[in-house]
Every structure is written in C-alpha cells, then in structure tokens.
C-alpha atoms as a PDB file:
ATOM      1  CA  MET A   1       5.037   5.636 -24.098  1.00  0.00           C
ATOM      2  CA  PRO A   2       4.005   7.887 -21.186  1.00  0.00           C
ATOM      3  CA  LYS A   3       5.827   7.003 -17.976  1.00  0.00           C
ATOM      4  CA  ILE A   4       4.152   7.612 -14.624  1.00  0.00           C
ATOM      5  CA  ARG A   5       5.965   7.246 -11.348  1.00  0.00           C
ATOM      6  CA  VAL A   6       3.799   6.143  -8.391  1.00  0.00           C
ATOM      7  CA  ALA A   7       5.116   6.176  -4.803  1.00  0.00           C
ATOM      8  CA  SER A   8       3.534   4.606  -1.805  1.00  0.00           C
ATOM      9  CA  VAL A   9       4.499   6.185   1.483  1.00  0.00           C
ATOM     10  CA  ASN A  10       3.395   5.306   5.041  1.00  0.00           C
ATOM     11  CA  ALA A  11       4.431   8.635   6.624  1.00  0.00           C
ATOM     12  CA  ASN A  12       3.725   7.565  10.194  1.00  0.00           C
ATOM     13  CA  GLY A  13       2.355  11.099  10.740  1.00  0.00           C
ATOM     14  CA  VAL A  14       3.061  13.530   7.936  1.00  0.00           C
ATOM     15  CA  ARG A  15       3.899  16.499  10.125  1.00  0.00           C
ATOM     16  CA  ALA A  16       6.579  14.612  12.009  1.00  0.00           C
ATOM     17  CA  ALA A  17       7.871  13.091   8.728  1.00  0.00           C
ATOM     18  CA  TYR A  18       8.337  16.576   7.235  1.00  0.00           C
ATOM     19  CA  ARG A  19      10.269  17.684  10.316  1.00  0.00           C
ATOM     20  CA  LYS A  20      12.580  14.750   9.775  1.00  0.00           C
ATOM     21  CA  GLY A  21      13.223  15.165   6.055  1.00  0.00           C
ATOM     22  CA  MET A  22      10.324  13.797   3.997  1.00  0.00           C
ATOM     23  CA  GLY A  23      10.124  17.041   1.997  1.00  0.00           C
ATOM     24  CA  GLU A  24      13.663  16.615   0.796  1.00  0.00           C
ATOM     25  CA  TRP A  25      12.994  13.004  -0.229  1.00  0.00           C
ATOM     26  CA  LEU A  26       9.860  14.035  -2.201  1.00  0.00           C
ATOM     27  CA  GLU A  27      11.725  16.764  -3.976  1.00  0.00           C
ATOM     28  CA  ALA A  28      14.386  14.341  -5.121  1.00  0.00           C
ATOM     29  CA  ALA A  29      12.062  11.440  -5.927  1.00  0.00           C
ATOM     30  CA  ASP A  30      10.447  13.025  -9.013  1.00  0.00           C
ATOM     31  CA  VAL A  31       7.066  11.431  -8.288  1.00  0.00           C
ATOM     32  CA  ASP A  32       3.916  11.905 -10.408  1.00  0.00           C
ATOM     33  CA  VAL A  33       1.449  10.286  -8.033  1.00  0.00           C
ATOM     34  CA  LEU A  34       2.023  10.158  -4.272  1.00  0.00           C
ATOM     35  CA  ALA A  35      -0.093   7.781  -2.229  1.00  0.00           C
ATOM     36  CA  LEU A  36       0.130   8.403   1.503  1.00  0.00           C
ATOM     37  CA  GLN A  37      -0.962   6.340   4.507  1.00  0.00           C
ATOM     38  CA  GLU A  38      -1.034   7.208   8.152  1.00  0.00           C
ATOM     39  CA  VAL A  39      -1.304  10.918   7.339  1.00  0.00           C
ATOM     40  CA  ARG A  40      -2.627  11.605  10.860  1.00  0.00           C
ATOM     41  CA  ALA A  41      -3.291  15.269  10.080  1.00  0.00           C
ATOM     42  CA  GLU A  42      -5.890  17.659   8.677  1.00  0.00           C
ATOM     43  CA  THR A  43      -6.071  18.575   5.003  1.00  0.00           C
ATOM     44  CA  THR A  44      -5.165  22.085   6.051  1.00  0.00           C
ATOM     45  CA  ASP A  45      -1.900  20.670   7.412  1.00  0.00           C
ATOM     46  CA  LEU A  46      -1.152  18.368   4.471  1.00  0.00           C
ATOM     47  CA  VAL A  47      -1.614  20.786   1.554  1.00  0.00           C
ATOM     48  CA  PRO A  48       0.946  23.395   2.668  1.00  0.00           C
ATOM     49  CA  LEU A  49       3.450  20.661   3.618  1.00  0.00           C
ATOM     50  CA  LEU A  50       3.351  19.192   0.106  1.00  0.00           C
ATOM     51  CA  GLY A  51       3.593  22.686  -1.366  1.00  0.00           C
ATOM     52  CA  GLU A  52       2.704  24.051  -4.803  1.00  0.00           C
ATOM     53  CA  GLY A  53       2.176  21.882  -7.784  1.00  0.00           C
ATOM     54  CA  TRP A  54       0.150  19.158  -6.109  1.00  0.00           C
ATOM     55  CA  HIS A  55      -3.571  18.385  -6.317  1.00  0.00           C
ATOM     56  CA  VAL A  56      -4.460  16.658  -3.007  1.00  0.00           C
ATOM     57  CA  LEU A  57      -7.232  14.209  -2.141  1.00  0.00           C
ATOM     58  CA  HIS A  58      -7.374  13.316   1.504  1.00  0.00           C
ATOM     59  CA  ASP A  59      -9.672  10.973   3.450  1.00  0.00           C
ATOM     60  CA  ALA A  60      -9.136  11.393   7.188  1.00  0.00           C
ATOM     61  CA  ALA A  61     -10.024   8.725   9.739  1.00  0.00           C
ATOM     62  CA  THR A  62     -13.161   9.041  11.875  1.00  0.00           C
ATOM     63  CA  ALA A  63     -10.944   9.251  14.945  1.00  0.00           C
ATOM     64  CA  LYS A  64      -8.822  12.397  14.821  1.00  0.00           C
ATOM     65  CA  GLY A  65      -5.078  11.795  14.679  1.00  0.00           C
ATOM     66  CA  ARG A  66      -5.421   8.170  13.475  1.00  0.00           C
ATOM     67  CA  ALA A  67      -4.808   6.542  10.098  1.00  0.00           C
ATOM     68  CA  GLY A  68      -5.712   8.783   7.141  1.00  0.00           C
ATOM     69  CA  VAL A  69      -4.964   8.189   3.463  1.00  0.00           C
ATOM     70  CA  ALA A  70      -4.223  10.679   0.698  1.00  0.00           C
ATOM     71  CA  ILE A  71      -3.396  10.814  -2.999  1.00  0.00           C
ATOM     72  CA  ALA A  72      -1.491  13.783  -4.475  1.00  0.00           C
ATOM     73  CA  THR A  73      -1.172  14.201  -8.186  1.00  0.00           C
ATOM     74  CA  ARG A  74       0.490  16.639 -10.526  1.00  0.00           C
ATOM     75  CA  GLU A  75      -2.686  16.912 -12.629  1.00  0.00           C
ATOM     76  CA  PRO A  76      -6.190  17.386 -11.285  1.00  0.00           C
ATOM     77  CA  VAL A  77      -8.277  14.259 -10.555  1.00  0.00           C
ATOM     78  CA  ASP A  78     -11.871  14.418 -11.691  1.00  0.00           C
ATOM     79  CA  VAL A  79     -13.186  11.160 -10.111  1.00  0.00           C
ATOM     80  CA  HIS A  80     -12.404   9.640  -6.762  1.00  0.00           C
ATOM     81  CA  ARG A  81     -14.128   7.245  -4.416  1.00  0.00           C
ATOM     82  CA  ILE A  82     -13.774   6.354  -0.725  1.00  0.00           C
ATOM     83  CA  ASP A  83     -16.621   3.932  -0.016  1.00  0.00           C
ATOM     84  CA  MET A  84     -16.008   0.184   0.413  1.00  0.00           C
ATOM     85  CA  GLY A  85     -17.576  -2.657   2.300  1.00  0.00           C
ATOM     86  CA  PRO A  86     -21.113  -2.792   3.764  1.00  0.00           C
ATOM     87  CA  PRO A  87     -22.925   0.420   4.728  1.00  0.00           C
ATOM     88  CA  ASP A  88     -22.186   0.021   8.440  1.00  0.00           C
ATOM     89  CA  PHE A  89     -18.477  -0.495   7.879  1.00  0.00           C
ATOM     90  CA  ASP A  90     -16.213   2.406   8.790  1.00  0.00           C
ATOM     91  CA  SER A  91     -13.390   2.495   6.227  1.00  0.00           C
ATOM     92  CA  ALA A  92     -12.684   6.199   6.644  1.00  0.00           C
ATOM     93  CA  GLY A  93      -9.019   7.008   6.472  1.00  0.00           C
ATOM     94  CA  ARG A  94      -8.110   3.603   4.976  1.00  0.00           C
ATOM     95  CA  TRP A  95      -9.257   3.411   1.292  1.00  0.00           C
ATOM     96  CA  LEU A  96      -9.075   6.123  -1.319  1.00  0.00           C
ATOM     97  CA  GLU A  97      -9.441   5.575  -5.035  1.00  0.00           C
ATOM     98  CA  ALA A  98      -8.586   8.068  -7.811  1.00  0.00           C
ATOM     99  CA  ASP A  99      -8.808   7.880 -11.577  1.00  0.00           C
ATOM    100  CA  VAL A 100      -5.772   9.620 -13.043  1.00  0.00           C
ATOM    101  CA  GLU A 101      -5.541  10.566 -16.698  1.00  0.00           C
ATOM    102  CA  VAL A 102      -2.121   9.903 -18.221  1.00  0.00           C
ATOM    103  CA  ALA A 103      -1.782  10.964 -21.883  1.00  0.00           C
ATOM    104  CA  GLY A 104      -5.355   9.969 -22.492  1.00  0.00           C
ATOM    105  CA  VAL A 105      -5.080   6.665 -20.576  1.00  0.00           C
ATOM    106  CA  SER A 106      -7.015   6.221 -17.347  1.00  0.00           C
ATOM    107  CA  LEU A 107      -5.013   4.834 -14.408  1.00  0.00           C
ATOM    108  CA  THR A 108      -6.847   3.961 -11.206  1.00  0.00           C
ATOM    109  CA  VAL A 109      -4.753   4.355  -8.061  1.00  0.00           C
ATOM    110  CA  VAL A 110      -5.834   3.298  -4.582  1.00  0.00           C
ATOM    111  CA  SER A 111      -4.093   4.394  -1.400  1.00  0.00           C
ATOM    112  CA  CYS A 112      -4.834   1.671   1.155  1.00  0.00           C
ATOM    113  CA  TYR A 113      -4.016   1.344   4.852  1.00  0.00           C
ATOM    114  CA  VAL A 114      -5.092  -2.036   6.247  1.00  0.00           C
ATOM    115  CA  HIS A 115      -5.592  -2.332  10.005  1.00  0.00           C
ATOM    116  CA  SER A 116      -2.580  -3.727  11.858  1.00  0.00           C
ATOM    117  CA  GLY A 117      -4.827  -5.987  13.885  1.00  0.00           C
ATOM    118  CA  GLU A 118      -4.065  -8.037  16.948  1.00  0.00           C
ATOM    119  CA  ALA A 119      -4.694 -11.768  17.036  1.00  0.00           C
ATOM    120  CA  ASP A 120      -7.852 -12.891  18.826  1.00  0.00           C
ATOM    121  CA  THR A 121      -9.019  -9.381  19.703  1.00  0.00           C
ATOM    122  CA  PRO A 122     -11.693  -7.008  18.335  1.00  0.00           C
ATOM    123  CA  LYS A 123      -8.916  -5.210  16.454  1.00  0.00           C
ATOM    124  CA  GLN A 124      -8.404  -8.371  14.408  1.00  0.00           C
ATOM    125  CA  GLU A 125     -12.137  -8.615  13.715  1.00  0.00           C
ATOM    126  CA  GLU A 126     -11.962  -5.158  12.066  1.00  0.00           C
ATOM    127  CA  LYS A 127      -9.012  -6.332   9.998  1.00  0.00           C
ATOM    128  CA  TRP A 128     -10.985  -9.409   8.808  1.00  0.00           C
ATOM    129  CA  ARG A 129     -13.884  -7.123   7.801  1.00  0.00           C
ATOM    130  CA  PHE A 130     -11.558  -4.823   5.900  1.00  0.00           C
ATOM    131  CA  LEU A 131      -9.844  -7.750   4.061  1.00  0.00           C
ATOM    132  CA  ASP A 132     -13.315  -9.104   3.215  1.00  0.00           C
ATOM    133  CA  ALA A 133     -14.218  -5.748   1.718  1.00  0.00           C
ATOM    134  CA  MET A 134     -10.999  -5.644  -0.255  1.00  0.00           C
ATOM    135  CA  GLU A 135     -11.694  -9.084  -1.653  1.00  0.00           C
ATOM    136  CA  GLU A 136     -15.065  -7.893  -2.825  1.00  0.00           C
ATOM    137  CA  ARG A 137     -13.761  -4.603  -4.246  1.00  0.00           C
ATOM    138  CA  LEU A 138     -10.712  -5.872  -6.191  1.00  0.00           C
ATOM    139  CA  PRO A 139     -12.702  -7.627  -8.998  1.00  0.00           C
ATOM    140  CA  GLN A 140     -14.850  -4.514  -9.324  1.00  0.00           C
ATOM    141  CA  LEU A 141     -11.701  -2.383  -9.692  1.00  0.00           C
ATOM    142  CA  ALA A 142     -10.277  -4.698 -12.354  1.00  0.00           C
ATOM    143  CA  ALA A 143     -13.554  -4.514 -14.210  1.00  0.00           C
ATOM    144  CA  HIS A 144     -13.549  -0.689 -13.921  1.00  0.00           C
ATOM    145  CA  SER A 145     -10.055  -0.234 -15.369  1.00  0.00           C
ATOM    146  CA  GLU A 146      -7.505  -2.619 -16.895  1.00  0.00           C
ATOM    147  CA  TYR A 147      -4.854  -0.281 -15.492  1.00  0.00           C
ATOM    148  CA  ALA A 148      -5.362  -0.234 -11.744  1.00  0.00           C
ATOM    149  CA  VAL A 149      -3.031  -0.432  -8.800  1.00  0.00           C
ATOM    150  CA  VAL A 150      -3.661  -0.733  -5.026  1.00  0.00           C
ATOM    151  CA  VAL A 151      -0.737   0.636  -3.137  1.00  0.00           C
ATOM    152  CA  GLY A 152      -0.031   1.092   0.547  1.00  0.00           C
ATOM    153  CA  ASP A 153       0.637  -0.426   3.871  1.00  0.00           C
ATOM    154  CA  LEU A 154      -1.375  -3.665   3.679  1.00  0.00           C
ATOM    155  CA  ASN A 155      -0.099  -4.950   7.044  1.00  0.00           C
ATOM    156  CA  VAL A 156       0.308  -8.537   5.916  1.00  0.00           C
ATOM    157  CA  GLY A 157       3.433 -10.356   4.948  1.00  0.00           C
ATOM    158  CA  HIS A 158       2.255 -12.743   2.226  1.00  0.00           C
ATOM    159  CA  ARG A 159       5.072 -15.263   2.160  1.00  0.00           C
ATOM    160  CA  GLU A 160       8.027 -16.394   4.290  1.00  0.00           C
ATOM    161  CA  LEU A 161      10.234 -14.352   1.995  1.00  0.00           C
ATOM    162  CA  ASP A 162       8.419 -11.227   3.204  1.00  0.00           C
ATOM    163  CA  ILE A 163       9.417 -11.409   6.857  1.00  0.00           C
ATOM    164  CA  LYS A 164      12.922 -11.969   8.201  1.00  0.00           C
ATOM    165  CA  ASN A 165      11.713 -13.622  11.418  1.00  0.00           C
ATOM    166  CA  TRP A 166       8.751 -15.441   9.965  1.00  0.00           C
ATOM    167  CA  ARG A 167       9.025 -18.485  12.287  1.00  0.00           C
ATOM    168  CA  GLY A 168       8.531 -16.274  15.329  1.00  0.00           C
ATOM    169  CA  ASN A 169       5.500 -14.485  13.903  1.00  0.00           C
ATOM    170  CA  ARG A 170       3.251 -17.307  12.693  1.00  0.00           C
ATOM    171  CA  LYS A 171       0.706 -16.669  15.462  1.00  0.00           C
ATOM    172  CA  LYS A 172       0.914 -12.875  15.341  1.00  0.00           C
ATOM    173  CA  ALA A 173      -1.155 -10.370  13.325  1.00  0.00           C
ATOM    174  CA  GLY A 174       0.520  -9.639  10.031  1.00  0.00           C
ATOM    175  CA  PHE A 175       1.548 -13.195   9.365  1.00  0.00           C
ATOM    176  CA  LEU A 176      -1.419 -15.283  10.416  1.00  0.00           C
ATOM    177  CA  PRO A 177      -2.258 -18.041   7.984  1.00  0.00           C
ATOM    178  CA  ARG A 178      -5.796 -16.721   7.464  1.00  0.00           C
ATOM    179  CA  GLU A 179      -4.414 -13.226   6.607  1.00  0.00           C
ATOM    180  CA  ARG A 180      -1.895 -14.659   4.183  1.00  0.00           C
ATOM    181  CA  SER A 181      -4.639 -16.651   2.501  1.00  0.00           C
ATOM    182  CA  TYR A 182      -6.388 -13.503   1.421  1.00  0.00           C
ATOM    183  CA  PHE A 183      -3.204 -12.651  -0.521  1.00  0.00           C
ATOM    184  CA  ASP A 184      -3.086 -16.169  -1.931  1.00  0.00           C
ATOM    185  CA  ARG A 185      -6.459 -15.441  -3.478  1.00  0.00           C
ATOM    186  CA  PHE A 186      -5.726 -11.815  -4.478  1.00  0.00           C
ATOM    187  CA  LEU A 187      -2.623 -12.929  -6.384  1.00  0.00           C
ATOM    188  CA  ALA A 188      -3.582 -16.279  -7.897  1.00  0.00           C
ATOM    189  CA  PRO A 189      -4.603 -16.363 -11.597  1.00  0.00           C
ATOM    190  CA  ALA A 190      -8.123 -15.037 -12.113  1.00  0.00           C
ATOM    191  CA  GLY A 191     -10.748 -17.697 -11.782  1.00  0.00           C
ATOM    192  CA  GLU A 192      -8.316 -20.426 -10.772  1.00  0.00           C
ATOM    193  CA  THR A 193      -9.259 -22.639  -7.777  1.00  0.00           C
ATOM    194  CA  ILE A 194      -6.334 -22.673  -5.344  1.00  0.00           C
ATOM    195  CA  GLU A 195      -5.458 -24.194  -1.943  1.00  0.00           C
ATOM    196  CA  CYS A 196      -4.531 -21.410   0.435  1.00  0.00           C
ATOM    197  CA  VAL A 197      -1.848 -21.460   3.128  1.00  0.00           C
ATOM    198  CA  ASP A 198      -4.494 -21.958   5.851  1.00  0.00           C
ATOM    199  CA  GLY A 199      -5.796 -25.101   4.208  1.00  0.00           C
ATOM    200  CA  THR A 200      -8.921 -23.556   2.687  1.00  0.00           C
ATOM    201  CA  THR A 201      -9.681 -23.408  -1.014  1.00  0.00           C
ATOM    202  CA  GLY A 202     -10.461 -20.229  -2.855  1.00  0.00           C
ATOM    203  CA  THR A 203     -10.665 -18.516  -6.211  1.00  0.00           C
ATOM    204  CA  GLY A 204      -7.885 -16.342  -7.584  1.00  0.00           C
ATOM    205  CA  LEU A 205      -8.511 -12.708  -8.445  1.00  0.00           C
ATOM    206  CA  GLY A 206      -5.617 -12.319 -10.826  1.00  0.00           C
ATOM    207  CA  TRP A 207      -3.759  -9.321  -9.317  1.00  0.00           C
ATOM    208  CA  VAL A 208       0.050  -9.047  -9.428  1.00  0.00           C
ATOM    209  CA  ASP A 209       2.433  -8.286  -6.578  1.00  0.00           C
ATOM    210  CA  VAL A 210       4.745  -5.889  -8.402  1.00  0.00           C
ATOM    211  CA  GLY A 211       7.448  -5.993  -5.710  1.00  0.00           C
ATOM    212  CA  ARG A 212       7.765  -9.793  -5.810  1.00  0.00           C
ATOM    213  CA  GLN A 213       7.511  -9.864  -9.575  1.00  0.00           C
ATOM    214  CA  TRP A 214      10.384  -7.421  -9.848  1.00  0.00           C
ATOM    215  CA  ALA A 215      12.631  -8.749  -7.007  1.00  0.00           C
ATOM    216  CA  GLY A 216      12.145 -12.439  -7.633  1.00  0.00           C
ATOM    217  CA  GLU A 217      12.537 -15.192  -5.064  1.00  0.00           C
ATOM    218  CA  VAL A 218      14.686 -13.311  -2.572  1.00  0.00           C
ATOM    219  CA  ASP A 219      14.244 -12.216   1.068  1.00  0.00           C
ATOM    220  CA  GLY A 220      12.425  -8.885   1.111  1.00  0.00           C
ATOM    221  CA  PRO A 221      13.151  -6.255   0.041  1.00  0.00           C
ATOM    222  CA  TYR A 222      11.721  -5.183   3.373  1.00  0.00           C
ATOM    223  CA  THR A 223       9.744  -1.955   3.769  1.00  0.00           C
ATOM    224  CA  TRP A 224       9.104  -1.739   7.592  1.00  0.00           C
ATOM    225  CA  TRP A 225      11.291  -2.274  10.614  1.00  0.00           C
ATOM    226  CA  SER A 226      10.375  -2.300  14.273  1.00  0.00           C
ATOM    227  CA  ASN A 227      11.850   0.449  16.414  1.00  0.00           C
ATOM    228  CA  ARG A 228      12.858  -2.210  18.955  1.00  0.00           C
ATOM    229  CA  GLY A 229      16.488  -3.289  19.200  1.00  0.00           C
ATOM    230  CA  GLN A 230      18.627  -3.206  16.111  1.00  0.00           C
ATOM    231  CA  ALA A 231      15.896  -4.287  13.601  1.00  0.00           C
ATOM    232  CA  PHE A 232      16.717  -1.601  11.041  1.00  0.00           C
ATOM    233  CA  ASP A 233      20.485  -1.934  11.312  1.00  0.00           C
ATOM    234  CA  ASN A 234      20.241  -5.700  10.997  1.00  0.00           C
ATOM    235  CA  ASP A 235      17.559  -5.491   8.283  1.00  0.00           C
ATOM    236  CA  THR A 236      15.194  -7.602  10.360  1.00  0.00           C
ATOM    237  CA  GLY A 237      12.206  -6.270   8.494  1.00  0.00           C
ATOM    238  CA  TRP A 238       8.835  -6.994   6.992  1.00  0.00           C
ATOM    239  CA  ARG A 239       7.664  -6.398   3.372  1.00  0.00           C
ATOM    240  CA  ILE A 240       4.135  -5.106   4.022  1.00  0.00           C
ATOM    241  CA  ASP A 241       4.017  -2.078   1.666  1.00  0.00           C
ATOM    242  CA  TYR A 242       2.834  -3.157  -1.745  1.00  0.00           C
ATOM    243  CA  HIS A 243       1.898  -2.275  -5.302  1.00  0.00           C
ATOM    244  CA  LEU A 244      -0.816  -4.752  -6.285  1.00  0.00           C
ATOM    245  CA  ALA A 245      -1.512  -4.194  -9.994  1.00  0.00           C
ATOM    246  CA  THR A 246      -3.817  -5.577 -12.646  1.00  0.00           C
ATOM    247  CA  PRO A 247      -1.940  -7.847 -15.081  1.00  0.00           C
ATOM    248  CA  ALA A 248      -2.100  -5.283 -17.874  1.00  0.00           C
ATOM    249  CA  LEU A 249      -0.531  -2.575 -15.652  1.00  0.00           C
ATOM    250  CA  ALA A 250       2.030  -4.965 -14.117  1.00  0.00           C
ATOM    251  CA  ALA A 251       3.271  -5.717 -17.585  1.00  0.00           C
ATOM    252  CA  THR A 252       4.252  -2.044 -18.032  1.00  0.00           C
ATOM    253  CA  VAL A 253       6.523  -1.841 -14.998  1.00  0.00           C
ATOM    254  CA  SER A 254       9.953  -0.445 -15.990  1.00  0.00           C
ATOM    255  CA  ALA A 255      11.492   0.216 -12.551  1.00  0.00           C
ATOM    256  CA  TYR A 256      10.858  -0.738  -8.917  1.00  0.00           C
ATOM    257  CA  ARG A 257      12.711   0.445  -5.832  1.00  0.00           C
ATOM    258  CA  VAL A 258      12.359   0.573  -2.031  1.00  0.00           C
ATOM    259  CA  ASP A 259      13.773   3.905  -0.776  1.00  0.00           C
ATOM    260  CA  ARG A 260      15.368   2.552   2.408  1.00  0.00           C
ATOM    261  CA  ALA A 261      17.038   5.296   4.460  1.00  0.00           C
ATOM    262  CA  PRO A 262      20.849   5.052   4.486  1.00  0.00           C
ATOM    263  CA  SER A 263      20.941   4.870   8.286  1.00  0.00           C
ATOM    264  CA  TYR A 264      18.621   4.650  11.288  1.00  0.00           C
ATOM    265  CA  ASP A 265      19.049   8.287  12.275  1.00  0.00           C
ATOM    266  CA  THR A 266      18.155   9.552   8.762  1.00  0.00           C
ATOM    267  CA  ARG A 267      14.770   7.777   8.637  1.00  0.00           C
ATOM    268  CA  TRP A 268      11.675  10.022   8.559  1.00  0.00           C
ATOM    269  CA  SER A 269       9.266   7.095   8.964  1.00  0.00           C
ATOM    270  CA  ASP A 270       9.409   3.553  10.190  1.00  0.00           C
ATOM    271  CA  HIS A 271       8.399   2.489   6.666  1.00  0.00           C
ATOM    272  CA  ALA A 272      10.379   2.901   3.473  1.00  0.00           C
ATOM    273  CA  SER A 273       8.699   4.336   0.374  1.00  0.00           C
ATOM    274  CA  VAL A 274       7.978   2.024  -2.517  1.00  0.00           C
ATOM    275  CA  VAL A 275       8.415   3.696  -5.883  1.00  0.00           C
ATOM    276  CA  VAL A 276       7.426   2.165  -9.236  1.00  0.00           C
ATOM    277  CA  ASP A 277       7.596   3.412 -12.798  1.00  0.00           C
ATOM    278  CA  TYR A 278       4.809   2.352 -15.144  1.00  0.00           C
ATOM    279  CA  GLU A 279       5.127   2.938 -18.944  1.00  0.00           C
ATOM    280  CA  LEU A 280       1.599   3.045 -20.193  1.00  0.00           C
ATOM    281  CA  PRO A 281       0.860   2.224 -23.840  1.00  0.00           C
END
C-alpha cells in the first residue's frame, strides 16, 4: 500500500521559522505533503526557502503580512481550490484545497487557518462566518473524495482534554461552547442528530479527529503554547492543530505524532507540527 506522510505546520511566519531551524526539521521529517499556515510571506519568499523538489501552492491573505496558507508537494498538483463561503466572504489566506495523486489514488488535502477570534468583538463575528463556511464545505469535500483531510490551525479546542487550563478559558475565544459545538457536529457520525455542548442540537457530518482517535482519552497531546510565563516548559498547552479526515482515510492511519521541540529555546514556532502517515489502499 502506498504510504503518504502529511504534515501540518503553523510556521508563525515562515521566514522567521527558517531562521530558527524549520529547514532542518523539514529535511529530517521526510514529508510528502506539507501544509503550512501563517506563512506571512510572498510566494517569492516561500519557494526558495523550501528549496528544490517541492511544488508549491500558496494563497496569501488580502492583508499583506497576515495569515497565508500553502501546500507543498513532491509531485505536481493539477487541481486546487481556494474559494469557500458566500461571494462577499474574504477567506484569502485561510483555506487552500489540493487534489494529490498517490499511486493512482486521489487524496484531497486542505490547509486551513481559522481565525483566532476574540469573544464579543467583530473578530469573533469573522470566526463565526468562517466556521459556518467550513460546516457547509465539509460535506461537499466528503462527496468529492472519500480520501480527504482538513489539516491546520483550527483555533478551537474541542474538548476539555484539548486544553490544560480549560476551566479558565470557558469564556474565551478558542474554547467557547458555541465554537466547540461546531466540532461536535463536524465529528459526530454522519446524519446523526446530536446535542452539542452549547445545548443546541445539530446533525453530524461524520469526519474523524485523527489526533484524538490515535491518542485516546488523554490530555493533549498539545500543539500550541502561549509565550507567556512557563507555558511550554510546564506543558500548559492547547491542542488546536488538527487532521480532520473522512472515515475512509482515517482508517488508513499508521502513525501520528506531534513534533514538540525538545526545549523552549529550540522552538522555531509557537506551534508544534502534526505529522500523520496514511497508507492508502
């Protein structure tokens, strides 16, 4: 069976990440598909940083130096899409789809960067609109390809297991009950009516949280740590970087890991990379 290794990386600015050691990580990681978020650079910056051997798709944000998503593959990608949501919705730099051919099998990979939001502000309204667009797009993706995965910094901790200090964050963006309810629906069995954490009812979309499926009912493993205090050293983190896969693809997972830096001073981003091996039939 052909194996494909997909890595999701919030680079927190790819130029700074390369100055701090991202290139060495990538060389050692043996990745086939690299999905980047928070590129915060031009394509003319990104391509030479990644170097030879990569085919690069990049969707920059409307505002220069903000957001930005990319997908780099070892083989050329013939089809990619960036549009989501209503026509007046600006999703630039936050959603990039690519259909990747793997030994004759089509795998759809999405690099996604959800807004961080801020409770009760216009920033949160943009986040609601983006999550609404995701909820509309996910069934379309599943219909498009039985092997599809949405990876990236989704900026929501779904469950209490996903945030070390969940009690102190219940009224903050990233762990609001309404945000978490989107993930209740994303991840519930397709077509099933469920009660969400915010008390509403909804219909499951049938996607699978690969990280939780692999790790089981344990705290974390976390993928982001605040720069404040000793959050990284104490592992007071959030699991907000995901691989959300269709059931058929989730069934092929053979390895999952979070590439947490060995120490605070060796980090090249405030996020850790999430690397998954899929063995396609």
